[in-house]
Amino acid sequence: MTSYDRVPYRSDPFPHSQPDRLKVLANIFGLEAPDVHTARVIELGCAAGNNIIPLAFNFPQSTFVGIDSSRVQIEAGLKTIADLGLKNIKLVAQDFRDMTADGGKFDYLICHGTV
């Protein structure tokens, strides 16, 4: 068990990472961003998922993936997902530095609070 497992990162919603906000910012800078209602979103360093789980709840036609190196955090998030009955989100206990291209393509990438 790592120190991160013993003293978990506080996982809260982070409004600046909302895909609809990211879409507006992309449009301001002249980029076409995918529709947030059907997007594929990944969060690197998702902790217990308290930022990405509400997004999955609010955008049921989108798909979400959360990656975090703490199995303890991921297990807490998976319990929340099961309690809410969400089918459009998965959380993976993995160091995101070990990700490969076969994980798929994403329309939005969220990453905050990582070191």
Protein backbone atom coordinates (compact mmCIF):
# COMPACT_ATOMS: atom_id res chain seq x y z
CA MET A 1 0.00 0.00 0.00
CA THR A 2 1.40 3.39 -1.01
CA SER A 3 1.21 6.62 0.96
CA TYR A 4 -1.35 7.77 -1.64
CA ASP A 5 -3.54 4.80 -0.69
CA ARG A 6 -3.20 5.56 3.03
CA VAL A 7 -3.88 9.31 2.66
CA PRO A 8 -5.98 9.64 -0.49
CA TYR A 9 -6.15 12.76 -2.66
CA ARG A 10 -9.28 14.74 -1.92
CA SER A 11 -11.53 14.12 -4.88
CA ASP A 12 -14.01 16.90 -5.64
CA PRO A 13 -15.78 18.22 -8.73
CA PHE A 14 -13.52 20.65 -10.59
CA PRO A 15 -15.74 23.08 -12.57
CA HIS A 16 -12.95 24.26 -14.88
CA SER A 17 -12.65 20.75 -16.30
CA GLN A 18 -16.26 20.42 -17.47
CA PRO A 19 -16.33 19.34 -21.14
CA ASP A 20 -18.94 21.97 -22.01
CA ARG A 21 -16.59 24.66 -20.67
CA LEU A 22 -13.68 23.12 -22.59
CA LYS A 23 -15.79 23.17 -25.77
CA VAL A 24 -16.50 26.89 -25.34
CA LEU A 25 -12.79 27.60 -24.81
CA ALA A 26 -11.92 25.60 -27.92
CA ASN A 27 -14.48 27.58 -29.93
CA ILE A 28 -13.07 30.88 -28.64
CA PHE A 29 -9.67 29.83 -29.99
CA GLY A 30 -11.11 28.83 -33.36
CA LEU A 31 -11.20 25.07 -32.81
CA GLU A 32 -14.11 22.78 -33.53
CA ALA A 33 -14.74 20.66 -30.46
CA PRO A 34 -16.90 17.52 -30.40
CA ASP A 35 -20.43 17.58 -29.02
CA VAL A 36 -20.16 17.12 -25.26
CA HIS A 37 -23.39 15.12 -25.18
CA THR A 38 -21.86 12.24 -27.16
CA ALA A 39 -18.16 12.68 -26.39
CA ARG A 40 -15.53 10.24 -25.15
CA VAL A 41 -13.87 11.77 -22.08
CA ILE A 42 -10.85 10.54 -20.12
CA GLU A 43 -9.60 11.85 -16.80
CA LEU A 44 -6.00 11.13 -15.85
CA GLY A 45 -5.48 11.02 -12.09
CA CYS A 46 -9.21 10.74 -11.35
CA ALA A 47 -8.78 9.69 -7.68
CA ALA A 48 -12.16 8.37 -6.47
CA GLY A 49 -13.91 9.83 -9.51
CA ASN A 50 -15.72 12.68 -7.79
CA ASN A 51 -14.99 14.95 -10.75
CA ILE A 52 -15.76 12.52 -13.58
CA ILE A 53 -18.68 10.62 -12.03
CA PRO A 54 -21.00 13.68 -11.99
CA LEU A 55 -20.09 14.25 -15.65
CA ALA A 56 -21.12 10.69 -16.48
CA PHE A 57 -24.37 11.26 -14.62
CA ASN A 58 -25.10 14.55 -16.44
CA PHE A 59 -24.08 13.34 -19.92
CA PRO A 60 -25.58 9.82 -20.19
CA GLN A 61 -24.91 9.52 -23.95
CA SER A 62 -21.19 10.25 -23.49
CA THR A 63 -18.62 7.72 -22.33
CA PHE A 64 -16.09 8.31 -19.58
CA VAL A 65 -12.88 6.65 -18.44
CA GLY A 66 -11.02 7.54 -15.26
CA ILE A 67 -7.46 6.39 -14.65
CA ASP A 68 -5.71 6.49 -11.28
CA SER A 69 -2.77 4.64 -9.78
CA SER A 70 -4.52 4.09 -6.43
CA ARG A 71 -6.55 0.90 -6.31
CA VAL A 72 -8.11 2.16 -3.04
CA GLN A 73 -9.36 5.33 -4.77
CA ILE A 74 -10.63 3.40 -7.80
CA GLU A 75 -12.51 0.91 -5.61
CA ALA A 76 -14.25 3.80 -3.80
CA GLY A 77 -15.23 5.28 -7.15
CA LEU A 78 -16.48 1.96 -8.49
CA LYS A 79 -18.77 1.64 -5.47
CA THR A 80 -20.24 5.08 -6.18
CA ILE A 81 -20.73 4.18 -9.85
CA ALA A 82 -22.50 0.95 -8.88
CA ASP A 83 -24.68 2.76 -6.33
CA LEU A 84 -25.74 5.25 -9.03
CA GLY A 85 -26.24 2.54 -11.64
CA LEU A 86 -24.08 4.33 -14.22
CA LYS A 87 -23.22 2.32 -17.34
CA ASN A 88 -21.29 4.96 -19.32
CA ILE A 89 -18.20 5.18 -17.12
CA LYS A 90 -15.35 2.93 -16.12
CA LEU A 91 -12.51 3.53 -13.70
CA VAL A 92 -9.17 1.80 -14.11
CA ALA A 93 -6.44 1.32 -11.49
CA GLN A 94 -3.36 2.04 -13.57
CA ASP A 95 -0.53 4.53 -13.77
CA PHE A 96 -1.53 6.67 -16.72
CA ARG A 97 2.11 6.76 -17.82
CA ASP A 98 1.65 3.09 -18.72
CA MET A 99 -1.28 3.71 -21.06
CA THR A 100 -1.01 2.55 -24.66
CA ALA A 101 -2.74 3.66 -27.85
CA ASP A 102 -5.06 0.63 -27.75
CA GLY A 103 -6.99 2.42 -24.98
CA GLY A 104 -8.86 4.27 -27.70
CA LYS A 105 -9.31 7.86 -28.79
CA PHE A 106 -10.88 10.55 -26.66
CA ASP A 107 -12.53 13.86 -27.47
CA TYR A 108 -11.70 15.48 -24.13
CA LEU A 109 -8.84 14.86 -21.74
CA ILE A 110 -9.05 16.07 -18.14
CA CYS A 111 -6.04 16.16 -15.85
CA HIS A 112 -5.64 18.23 -12.69
CA GLY A 113 -3.96 17.82 -9.33
CA THR A 114 -1.36 15.33 -10.54
CA VAL A 115 2.36 15.44 -9.94
